[in-house]
C-alpha cells in the first residue's frame, strides 16, 4: 500500500517572498521591502520551487495558494 506523500514544508521566509511576488512586487522591490539582496529573494523563490517540485515561481505560487499557504 502506498504511503501518502508528506506535503513539503516551506519556510516563513520562502512564503513571504512568494506572497510579495504573488502580490505583483518585482524582485528588486521585494528585496528592498525585506531588507535583503535581490539574489536572496531569487534564492528563496528557487528554494520554494525546488521543495514543491515546480519549474517556475508562478507554479510555486499557485501550489502555495492551492494548499492555502498564501
PDB file of N, CA and C in Angstrom:
ATOM      1  N   UNK A   1       0.847  -1.177   0.000  1.00  0.00           N
ATOM      2  CA  UNK A   1       0.000   0.000   0.000  1.00  0.00           C
ATOM      3  C   UNK A   1       0.893   1.242   0.000  1.00  0.00           C
ATOM      4  N   UNK A   2       0.618   2.185  -0.877  1.00  0.00           N
ATOM      5  CA  UNK A   2       1.415   3.411  -0.961  1.00  0.00           C
ATOM      6  C   UNK A   2       1.115   4.330   0.210  1.00  0.00           C
ATOM      7  N   UNK A   3       2.187   4.903   0.765  1.00  0.00           N
ATOM      8  CA  UNK A   3       2.037   5.892   1.821  1.00  0.00           C
ATOM      9  C   UNK A   3       1.720   7.242   1.184  1.00  0.00           C
ATOM     10  N   UNK A   4       0.835   8.034   1.786  1.00  0.00           N
ATOM     11  CA  UNK A   4       0.597   9.383   1.241  1.00  0.00           C
ATOM     12  C   UNK A   4       1.864  10.213   1.377  1.00  0.00           C
ATOM     13  N   UNK A   5       2.148  10.987   0.342  1.00  0.00           N
ATOM     14  CA  UNK A   5       3.333  11.839   0.368  1.00  0.00           C
ATOM     15  C   UNK A   5       3.111  13.006   1.313  1.00  0.00           C
ATOM     16  N   UNK A   6       4.132  13.264   2.102  1.00  0.00           N
ATOM     17  CA  UNK A   6       4.064  14.407   3.005  1.00  0.00           C
ATOM     18  C   UNK A   6       4.126  15.693   2.191  1.00  0.00           C
ATOM     19  N   UNK A   7       3.365  16.675   2.622  1.00  0.00           N
ATOM     20  CA  UNK A   7       3.390  17.968   1.954  1.00  0.00           C
ATOM     21  C   UNK A   7       4.715  18.650   2.299  1.00  0.00           C
ATOM     22  N   UNK A   8       5.414  19.169   1.291  1.00  0.00           N
ATOM     23  CA  UNK A   8       6.681  19.854   1.566  1.00  0.00           C
ATOM     24  C   UNK A   8       6.469  21.030   2.505  1.00  0.00           C
ATOM     25  N   UNK A   9       7.445  21.260   3.360  1.00  0.00           N
ATOM     26  CA  UNK A   9       7.379  22.385   4.282  1.00  0.00           C
ATOM     27  C   UNK A   9       8.117  23.573   3.690  1.00  0.00           C
ATOM     28  N   UNK A  10       7.403  24.675   3.496  1.00  0.00           N
ATOM     29  CA  UNK A  10       8.043  25.909   3.057  1.00  0.00           C
ATOM     30  C   UNK A  10       8.289  26.765   4.285  1.00  0.00           C
ATOM     31  N   UNK A  11       9.493  27.320   4.368  1.00  0.00           N
ATOM     32  CA  UNK A  11       9.838  28.183   5.485  1.00  0.00           C
ATOM     33  C   UNK A  11       9.113  29.519   5.401  1.00  0.00           C
ATOM     34  N   UNK A  12       9.072  30.204   6.528  1.00  0.00           N
ATOM     35  CA  UNK A  12       8.409  31.511   6.582  1.00  0.00           C
ATOM     36  C   UNK A  12       9.013  32.483   5.570  1.00  0.00           C
ATOM     37  N   UNK A  13      10.332  32.464   5.434  1.00  0.00           N
ATOM     38  CA  UNK A  13      10.982  33.389   4.503  1.00  0.00           C
ATOM     39  C   UNK A  13      10.612  33.085   3.059  1.00  0.00           C
ATOM     40  N   UNK A  14      10.487  31.816   2.733  1.00  0.00           N
ATOM     41  CA  UNK A  14      10.071  31.441   1.377  1.00  0.00           C
ATOM     42  C   UNK A  14       8.626  31.878   1.123  1.00  0.00           C
ATOM     43  N   UNK A  15       7.776  31.701   2.108  1.00  0.00           N
ATOM     44  CA  UNK A  15       6.376  32.104   1.949  1.00  0.00           C
ATOM     45  C   UNK A  15       6.229  33.612   1.823  1.00  0.00           C
ATOM     46  N   UNK A  16       7.026  34.363   2.576  1.00  0.00           N
ATOM     47  CA  UNK A  16       6.971  35.825   2.469  1.00  0.00           C
ATOM     48  C   UNK A  16       7.379  36.258   1.068  1.00  0.00           C
ATOM     49  N   UNK A  17       8.430  35.668   0.547  1.00  0.00           N
ATOM     50  CA  UNK A  17       8.880  36.001  -0.813  1.00  0.00           C
ATOM     51  C   UNK A  17       7.787  35.661  -1.816  1.00  0.00           C
ATOM     52  N   UNK A  18       7.218  34.462  -1.723  1.00  0.00           N
ATOM     53  CA  UNK A  18       6.153  34.084  -2.661  1.00  0.00           C
ATOM     54  C   UNK A  18       4.960  35.022  -2.546  1.00  0.00           C
ATOM     55  N   UNK A  19       4.616  35.403  -1.325  1.00  0.00           N
ATOM     56  CA  UNK A  19       3.475  36.306  -1.130  1.00  0.00           C
ATOM     57  C   UNK A  19       3.727  37.657  -1.806  1.00  0.00           C
ATOM     58  N   UNK A  20       4.910  38.214  -1.601  1.00  0.00           N
ATOM     59  CA  UNK A  20       5.224  39.504  -2.221  1.00  0.00           C
ATOM     60  C   UNK A  20       5.191  39.404  -3.743  1.00  0.00           C
ATOM     61  N   UNK A  21       5.754  38.336  -4.277  1.00  0.00           N
ATOM     62  CA  UNK A  21       5.756  38.167  -5.728  1.00  0.00           C
ATOM     63  C   UNK A  21       4.341  37.935  -6.249  1.00  0.00           C
ATOM     64  N   UNK A  22       3.533  37.202  -5.485  1.00  0.00           N
ATOM     65  CA  UNK A  22       2.135  36.968  -5.874  1.00  0.00           C
ATOM     66  C   UNK A  22       1.339  38.263  -5.886  1.00  0.00           C
ATOM     67  N   UNK A  23       1.719  39.190  -5.003  1.00  0.00           N
ATOM     68  CA  UNK A  23       1.045  40.488  -4.946  1.00  0.00           C
ATOM     69  C   UNK A  23       1.512  41.421  -6.049  1.00  0.00           C
ATOM     70  N   UNK A  24       2.450  40.968  -6.870  1.00  0.00           N
ATOM     71  CA  UNK A  24       2.891  41.755  -8.008  1.00  0.00           C
ATOM     72  C   UNK A  24       4.172  42.533  -7.799  1.00  0.00           C
ATOM     73  N   UNK A  25       4.800  42.351  -6.642  1.00  0.00           N
ATOM     74  CA  UNK A  25       6.066  43.051  -6.420  1.00  0.00           C
ATOM     75  C   UNK A  25       7.148  42.450  -7.312  1.00  0.00           C
ATOM     76  N   UNK A  26       8.039  43.284  -7.764  1.00  0.00           N
ATOM     77  CA  UNK A  26       9.179  42.793  -8.519  1.00  0.00           C
ATOM     78  C   UNK A  26      10.236  42.294  -7.533  1.00  0.00           C
ATOM     79  N   UNK A  27      11.209  41.580  -8.048  1.00  0.00           N
ATOM     80  CA  UNK A  27      12.268  41.047  -7.195  1.00  0.00           C
ATOM     81  C   UNK A  27      12.997  42.184  -6.479  1.00  0.00           C
ATOM     82  N   UNK A  28      13.292  43.263  -7.206  1.00  0.00           N
ATOM     83  CA  UNK A  28      14.034  44.359  -6.567  1.00  0.00           C
ATOM     84  C   UNK A  28      13.202  45.045  -5.485  1.00  0.00           C
ATOM     85  N   UNK A  29      11.917  45.231  -5.701  1.00  0.00           N
ATOM     86  CA  UNK A  29      11.062  45.849  -4.687  1.00  0.00           C
ATOM     87  C   UNK A  29      10.910  44.907  -3.490  1.00  0.00           C
ATOM     88  N   UNK A  30      10.721  43.622  -3.749  1.00  0.00           N
ATOM     89  CA  UNK A  30      10.610  42.650  -2.657  1.00  0.00           C
ATOM     90  C   UNK A  30      11.889  42.655  -1.818  1.00  0.00           C
ATOM     91  N   UNK A  31      13.019  42.724  -2.475  1.00  0.00           N
ATOM     92  CA  UNK A  31      14.298  42.745  -1.761  1.00  0.00           C
ATOM     93  C   UNK A  31      14.396  43.975  -0.864  1.00  0.00           C
ATOM     94  N   UNK A  32      14.024  45.118  -1.399  1.00  0.00           N
ATOM     95  CA  UNK A  32      14.065  46.344  -0.585  1.00  0.00           C
ATOM     96  C   UNK A  32      13.128  46.253   0.606  1.00  0.00           C
ATOM     97  N   UNK A  33      11.918  45.761   0.373  1.00  0.00           N
ATOM     98  CA  UNK A  33      10.937  45.655   1.466  1.00  0.00           C
ATOM     99  C   UNK A  33      11.421  44.714   2.559  1.00  0.00           C
ATOM    100  N   UNK A  34      12.132  43.670   2.167  1.00  0.00           N
ATOM    101  CA  UNK A  34      12.606  42.687   3.144  1.00  0.00           C
ATOM    102  C   UNK A  34      13.980  43.030   3.706  1.00  0.00           C
ATOM    103  N   UNK A  35      14.639  44.001   3.100  1.00  0.00           N
ATOM    104  CA  UNK A  35      15.967  44.376   3.563  1.00  0.00           C
ATOM    105  C   UNK A  35      17.032  43.341   3.234  1.00  0.00           C
ATOM    106  N   UNK A  36      16.842  42.670   2.103  1.00  0.00           N
ATOM    107  CA  UNK A  36      17.793  41.652   1.658  1.00  0.00           C
ATOM    108  C   UNK A  36      18.186  41.949   0.214  1.00  0.00           C
ATOM    109  N   UNK A  37      19.099  41.168  -0.311  1.00  0.00           N
ATOM    110  CA  UNK A  37      19.529  41.370  -1.695  1.00  0.00           C
ATOM    111  C   UNK A  37      18.535  40.718  -2.666  1.00  0.00           C
ATOM    112  N   UNK A  38      18.592  41.164  -3.916  1.00  0.00           N
ATOM    113  CA  UNK A  38      17.772  40.545  -4.956  1.00  0.00           C
ATOM    114  C   UNK A  38      18.149  39.078  -5.104  1.00  0.00           C
ATOM    115  N   UNK A  39      19.427  38.783  -4.935  1.00  0.00           N
ATOM    116  CA  UNK A  39      19.899  37.401  -5.025  1.00  0.00           C
ATOM    117  C   UNK A  39      19.214  36.530  -3.971  1.00  0.00           C
ATOM    118  N   UNK A  40      19.060  37.068  -2.764  1.00  0.00           N
ATOM    119  CA  UNK A  40      18.397  36.326  -1.691  1.00  0.00           C
ATOM    120  C   UNK A  40      16.941  36.058  -2.040  1.00  0.00           C
ATOM    121  N   UNK A  41      16.253  37.050  -2.591  1.00  0.00           N
ATOM    122  CA  UNK A  41      14.857  36.855  -2.992  1.00  0.00           C
ATOM    123  C   UNK A  41      14.767  35.765  -4.055  1.00  0.00           C
ATOM    124  N   UNK A  42      15.639  35.820  -5.048  1.00  0.00           N
ATOM    125  CA  UNK A  42      15.630  34.794  -6.099  1.00  0.00           C
ATOM    126  C   UNK A  42      15.952  33.417  -5.525  1.00  0.00           C
ATOM    127  N   UNK A  43      16.887  33.367  -4.583  1.00  0.00           N
ATOM    128  CA  UNK A  43      17.272  32.096  -3.968  1.00  0.00           C
ATOM    129  C   UNK A  43      16.107  31.506  -3.172  1.00  0.00           C
ATOM    130  N   UNK A  44      15.387  32.345  -2.438  1.00  0.00           N
ATOM    131  CA  UNK A  44      14.239  31.864  -1.658  1.00  0.00           C
ATOM    132  C   UNK A  44      13.119  31.369  -2.578  1.00  0.00           C
ATOM    133  N   UNK A  45      12.893  32.075  -3.675  1.00  0.00           N
ATOM    134  CA  UNK A  45      11.877  31.645  -4.639  1.00  0.00           C
ATOM    135  C   UNK A  45      12.277  30.318  -5.277  1.00  0.00           C
ATOM    136  N   UNK A  46      13.554  30.189  -5.633  1.00  0.00           N
ATOM    137  CA  UNK A  46      14.051  28.950  -6.233  1.00  0.00           C
ATOM    138  C   UNK A  46      13.963  27.791  -5.241  1.00  0.00           C
ATOM    139  N   UNK A  47      14.267  28.068  -3.980  1.00  0.00           N
ATOM    140  CA  UNK A  47      14.172  27.050  -2.943  1.00  0.00           C
ATOM    141  C   UNK A  47      12.742  26.544  -2.801  1.00  0.00           C
ATOM    142  N   UNK A  48      11.791  27.469  -2.826  1.00  0.00           N
ATOM    143  CA  UNK A  48      10.379  27.085  -2.753  1.00  0.00           C
ATOM    144  C   UNK A  48      10.012  26.210  -3.946  1.00  0.00           C
ATOM    145  N   UNK A  49      10.462  26.593  -5.128  1.00  0.00           N
ATOM    146  CA  UNK A  49      10.195  25.796  -6.334  1.00  0.00           C
ATOM    147  C   UNK A  49      10.762  24.387  -6.192  1.00  0.00           C
ATOM    148  N   UNK A  50      11.997  24.309  -5.736  1.00  0.00           N
ATOM    149  CA  UNK A  50      12.645  23.004  -5.587  1.00  0.00           C
ATOM    150  C   UNK A  50      11.894  22.123  -4.596  1.00  0.00           C
ATOM    151  N   UNK A  51      11.455  22.703  -3.491  1.00  0.00           N
ATOM    152  CA  UNK A  51      10.766  21.934  -2.460  1.00  0.00           C
ATOM    153  C   UNK A  51       9.435  21.371  -2.937  1.00  0.00           C
ATOM    154  N   UNK A  52       8.709  22.127  -3.756  1.00  0.00           N
ATOM    155  CA  UNK A  52       7.386  21.666  -4.187  1.00  0.00           C
ATOM    156  C   UNK A  52       7.399  21.024  -5.567  1.00  0.00           C
ATOM    157  N   UNK A  53       8.579  20.984  -6.188  1.00  0.00           N
ATOM    158  CA  UNK A  53       8.705  20.311  -7.476  1.00  0.00           C
ATOM    159  C   UNK A  53       8.186  21.113  -8.642  1.00  0.00           C
ATOM    160  N   UNK A  54       8.358  22.426  -8.592  1.00  0.00           N
ATOM    161  CA  UNK A  54       7.901  23.309  -9.664  1.00  0.00           C
ATOM    162  C   UNK A  54       9.086  23.833 -10.455  1.00  0.00           C
ATOM    163  N   UNK A  55       8.815  24.207 -11.680  1.00  0.00           N
ATOM    164  CA  UNK A  55       9.844  24.794 -12.533  1.00  0.00           C
ATOM    165  C   UNK A  55       9.912  26.311 -12.401  1.00  0.00           C
ATOM    166  N   UNK A  56       8.773  26.948 -12.130  1.00  0.00           N
ATOM    167  CA  UNK A  56       8.735  28.410 -12.110  1.00  0.00           C
ATOM    168  C   UNK A  56       8.166  28.928 -10.793  1.00  0.00           C
ATOM    169  N   UNK A  57       8.463  30.185 -10.524  1.00  0.00           N
ATOM    170  CA  UNK A  57       7.930  30.827  -9.325  1.00  0.00           C
ATOM    171  C   UNK A  57       6.407  30.893  -9.385  1.00  0.00           C
ATOM    172  N   UNK A  58       5.866  31.137 -10.556  1.00  0.00           N
ATOM    173  CA  UNK A  58       4.400  31.180 -10.703  1.00  0.00           C
ATOM    174  C   UNK A  58       3.786  29.850 -10.288  1.00  0.00           C
ATOM    175  N   UNK A  59       4.389  28.766 -10.710  1.00  0.00           N
ATOM    176  CA  UNK A  59       3.880  27.445 -10.316  1.00  0.00           C
ATOM    177  C   UNK A  59       3.956  27.260  -8.805  1.00  0.00           C
ATOM    178  N   UNK A  60       5.028  27.731  -8.179  1.00  0.00           N
ATOM    179  CA  UNK A  60       5.154  27.624  -6.723  1.00  0.00           C
ATOM    180  C   UNK A  60       4.100  28.461  -6.021  1.00  0.00           C
ATOM    181  N   UNK A  61       3.812  29.642  -6.577  1.00  0.00           N
ATOM    182  CA  UNK A  61       2.765  30.493  -6.002  1.00  0.00           C
ATOM    183  C   UNK A  61       1.419  29.786  -6.104  1.00  0.00           C
ATOM    184  N   UNK A  62       1.107  29.232  -7.258  1.00  0.00           N
ATOM    185  CA  UNK A  62      -0.156  28.511  -7.443  1.00  0.00           C
ATOM    186  C   UNK A  62      -0.239  27.339  -6.477  1.00  0.00           C
ATOM    187  N   UNK A  63       0.862  26.610  -6.323  1.00  0.00           N
ATOM    188  CA  UNK A  63       0.904  25.487  -5.381  1.00  0.00           C
ATOM    189  C   UNK A  63       0.587  25.972  -3.967  1.00  0.00           C
ATOM    190  N   UNK A  64       1.226  27.057  -3.552  1.00  0.00           N
ATOM    191  CA  UNK A  64       1.026  27.582  -2.201  1.00  0.00           C
ATOM    192  C   UNK A  64      -0.414  28.063  -1.997  1.00  0.00           C
ATOM    193  N   UNK A  65      -1.005  28.668  -3.010  1.00  0.00           N
ATOM    194  CA  UNK A  65      -2.404  29.104  -2.912  1.00  0.00           C
ATOM    195  C   UNK A  65      -3.319  27.883  -2.789  1.00  0.00           C
ATOM    196  N   UNK A  66      -3.078  26.890  -3.603  1.00  0.00           N
ATOM    197  CA  UNK A  66      -3.913  25.689  -3.554  1.00  0.00           C
ATOM    198  C   UNK A  66      -3.824  24.969  -2.211  1.00  0.00           C
ATOM    199  N   UNK A  67      -2.683  25.089  -1.569  1.00  0.00           N
ATOM    200  CA  UNK A  67      -2.507  24.460  -0.259  1.00  0.00           C
ATOM    201  C   UNK A  67      -2.791  25.425   0.886  1.00  0.00           C
ATOM    202  N   UNK A  68      -3.427  26.536   0.529  1.00  0.00           N
ATOM    203  CA  UNK A  68      -3.887  27.546   1.495  1.00  0.00           C
ATOM    204  C   UNK A  68      -2.760  28.082   2.370  1.00  0.00           C
ATOM    205  N   UNK A  69      -1.594  28.266   1.752  1.00  0.00           N
ATOM    206  CA  UNK A  69      -0.448  28.858   2.456  1.00  0.00           C
ATOM    207  C   UNK A  69      -0.310  30.341   2.154  1.00  0.00           C
ATOM    208  N   UNK A  70      -0.932  30.771   1.075  1.00  0.00           N
ATOM    209  CA  UNK A  70      -0.932  32.189   0.704  1.00  0.00           C
ATOM    210  C   UNK A  70      -2.375  32.668   0.633  1.00  0.00           C
TER     211      UNK A  70
END
